[in-house]
Amino acid sequence: GGLPGVFVGGETRAWGPLSTGRVPRGASALVVNVTATEASAPGYIRLAPCDDPNSAVSSVNVVPGVDATNVAVVPLPFDGQVCVF
């Protein structure tokens, strides 16, 4: 379970993967599949701990008309909040 719906350029959403019950307590990182579909403009999606948003690089690059997917390893902070930029 990720974040459904349309993202707008520059938008940031917090995601709490620990609340899904699929991530064991004490985990220090996540391995996630990042998928972008129906992009209306070129750009990228970036995942990072919400308390350190500058620690990440692009997780998937997007191009209009092309579905894009990538596997990303994301550090999991103590509070469990990962931000999607």
C-alpha atoms as a PDB file:
ATOM      1  CA  GLY A   1       0.000   0.000   0.000  1.00  0.00           C
ATOM      2  CA  GLY A   2       1.516   3.222  -1.156  1.00  0.00           C
ATOM      3  CA  LEU A   3       0.145   6.614  -2.057  1.00  0.00           C
ATOM      4  CA  PRO A   4      -2.597   6.547  -4.687  1.00  0.00           C
ATOM      5  CA  GLY A   5      -3.752   9.445  -6.786  1.00  0.00           C
ATOM      6  CA  VAL A   6      -2.223  12.170  -8.868  1.00  0.00           C
ATOM      7  CA  PHE A   7       0.851  14.025  -7.636  1.00  0.00           C
ATOM      8  CA  VAL A   8       1.339  17.647  -8.617  1.00  0.00           C
ATOM      9  CA  GLY A   9       4.846  18.930  -9.368  1.00  0.00           C
ATOM     10  CA  GLY A  10       6.536  20.086  -6.164  1.00  0.00           C
ATOM     11  CA  GLU A  11       4.098  18.214  -3.929  1.00  0.00           C
ATOM     12  CA  THR A  12       5.347  16.248  -0.921  1.00  0.00           C
ATOM     13  CA  ARG A  13       3.354  13.531   0.831  1.00  0.00           C
ATOM     14  CA  ALA A  14       4.242  11.684   4.008  1.00  0.00           C
ATOM     15  CA  TRP A  15       3.840   7.913   4.028  1.00  0.00           C
ATOM     16  CA  GLY A  16       3.846   5.738   7.156  1.00  0.00           C
ATOM     17  CA  PRO A  17       4.765   2.238   5.947  1.00  0.00           C
ATOM     18  CA  LEU A  18       4.945   0.925   9.529  1.00  0.00           C
ATOM     19  CA  SER A  19       1.159   1.346   9.790  1.00  0.00           C
ATOM     20  CA  THR A  20       0.622  -1.281   7.073  1.00  0.00           C
ATOM     21  CA  GLY A  21       1.744  -4.067   9.400  1.00  0.00           C
ATOM     22  CA  ARG A  22       4.059  -5.365   6.656  1.00  0.00           C
ATOM     23  CA  VAL A  23       7.243  -3.780   7.950  1.00  0.00           C
ATOM     24  CA  PRO A  24       8.767  -5.307  11.068  1.00  0.00           C
ATOM     25  CA  ARG A  25       9.478  -2.995  13.998  1.00  0.00           C
ATOM     26  CA  GLY A  26      13.165  -2.242  14.166  1.00  0.00           C
ATOM     27  CA  ALA A  27      13.623  -2.249  10.384  1.00  0.00           C
ATOM     28  CA  SER A  28      16.224   0.294   9.285  1.00  0.00           C
ATOM     29  CA  ALA A  29      15.375   0.500   5.589  1.00  0.00           C
ATOM     30  CA  LEU A  30      12.687  -0.299   3.038  1.00  0.00           C
ATOM     31  CA  VAL A  31      13.017  -1.845  -0.379  1.00  0.00           C
ATOM     32  CA  VAL A  32      10.127  -0.482  -2.430  1.00  0.00           C
ATOM     33  CA  ASN A  33       8.947  -0.588  -6.009  1.00  0.00           C
ATOM     34  CA  VAL A  34       8.271   2.971  -7.202  1.00  0.00           C
ATOM     35  CA  THR A  35       5.924   3.278 -10.173  1.00  0.00           C
ATOM     36  CA  ALA A  36       4.862   6.366 -12.109  1.00  0.00           C
ATOM     37  CA  THR A  37       2.155   6.268 -14.762  1.00  0.00           C
ATOM     38  CA  GLU A  38       0.472   8.847 -16.966  1.00  0.00           C
ATOM     39  CA  ALA A  39       3.046  11.599 -16.355  1.00  0.00           C
ATOM     40  CA  SER A  40       2.027  14.911 -17.889  1.00  0.00           C
ATOM     41  CA  ALA A  41       5.523  16.429 -17.727  1.00  0.00           C
ATOM     42  CA  PRO A  42       9.104  15.225 -17.312  1.00  0.00           C
ATOM     43  CA  GLY A  43      10.341  14.957 -13.757  1.00  0.00           C
ATOM     44  CA  TYR A  44      11.268  12.561 -11.007  1.00  0.00           C
ATOM     45  CA  ILE A  45       9.984  10.977  -7.806  1.00  0.00           C
ATOM     46  CA  ARG A  46      12.216  11.015  -4.748  1.00  0.00           C
ATOM     47  CA  LEU A  47      11.771   9.079  -1.495  1.00  0.00           C
ATOM     48  CA  ALA A  48      13.537  10.024   1.741  1.00  0.00           C
ATOM     49  CA  PRO A  49      12.997  10.056   5.489  1.00  0.00           C
ATOM     50  CA  CYS A  50      10.750  13.038   6.254  1.00  0.00           C
ATOM     51  CA  ASP A  51      13.189  14.253   8.903  1.00  0.00           C
ATOM     52  CA  ASP A  52      16.046  14.384   6.344  1.00  0.00           C
ATOM     53  CA  PRO A  53      14.552  15.222   2.920  1.00  0.00           C
ATOM     54  CA  ASN A  54      17.898  16.177   1.390  1.00  0.00           C
ATOM     55  CA  SER A  55      19.397  12.726   1.940  1.00  0.00           C
ATOM     56  CA  ALA A  56      17.852  11.111  -1.132  1.00  0.00           C
ATOM     57  CA  VAL A  57      18.391  11.039  -4.848  1.00  0.00           C
ATOM     58  CA  SER A  58      15.826  10.437  -7.555  1.00  0.00           C
ATOM     59  CA  SER A  59      14.036   7.108  -7.095  1.00  0.00           C
ATOM     60  CA  VAL A  60      12.448   7.085 -10.555  1.00  0.00           C
ATOM     61  CA  ASN A  61      12.631   9.483 -13.507  1.00  0.00           C
ATOM     62  CA  VAL A  62       9.425  10.144 -15.442  1.00  0.00           C
ATOM     63  CA  VAL A  63       8.719  11.056 -19.048  1.00  0.00           C
ATOM     64  CA  PRO A  64       5.271  11.839 -20.481  1.00  0.00           C
ATOM     65  CA  GLY A  65       3.726   8.852 -22.234  1.00  0.00           C
ATOM     66  CA  VAL A  66       6.053   6.319 -20.603  1.00  0.00           C
ATOM     67  CA  ASP A  67       5.255   4.282 -17.494  1.00  0.00           C
ATOM     68  CA  ALA A  68       8.337   4.171 -15.268  1.00  0.00           C
ATOM     69  CA  THR A  69       9.276   1.885 -12.416  1.00  0.00           C
ATOM     70  CA  ASN A  70      12.333   1.355 -10.257  1.00  0.00           C
ATOM     71  CA  VAL A  71      13.355  -0.390  -7.055  1.00  0.00           C
ATOM     72  CA  ALA A  72      14.548   1.975  -4.333  1.00  0.00           C
ATOM     73  CA  VAL A  73      16.168   1.405  -0.947  1.00  0.00           C
ATOM     74  CA  VAL A  74      14.958   4.049   1.494  1.00  0.00           C
ATOM     75  CA  PRO A  75      16.352   4.574   5.004  1.00  0.00           C
ATOM     76  CA  LEU A  76      13.563   4.178   7.549  1.00  0.00           C
ATOM     77  CA  PRO A  77      13.707   6.823  10.291  1.00  0.00           C
ATOM     78  CA  PHE A  78      12.788   6.153  13.913  1.00  0.00           C
ATOM     79  CA  ASP A  79       9.305   7.686  13.482  1.00  0.00           C
ATOM     80  CA  GLY A  80       8.680   5.583  10.364  1.00  0.00           C
ATOM     81  CA  GLN A  81       7.686   8.531   8.173  1.00  0.00           C
ATOM     82  CA  VAL A  82       8.952   8.448   4.602  1.00  0.00           C
ATOM     83  CA  CYS A  83       8.266  11.434   2.350  1.00  0.00           C
ATOM     84  CA  VAL A  84       7.554  11.171  -1.342  1.00  0.00           C
ATOM     85  CA  PHE A  85       8.646  14.263  -3.269  1.00  0.00           C
END
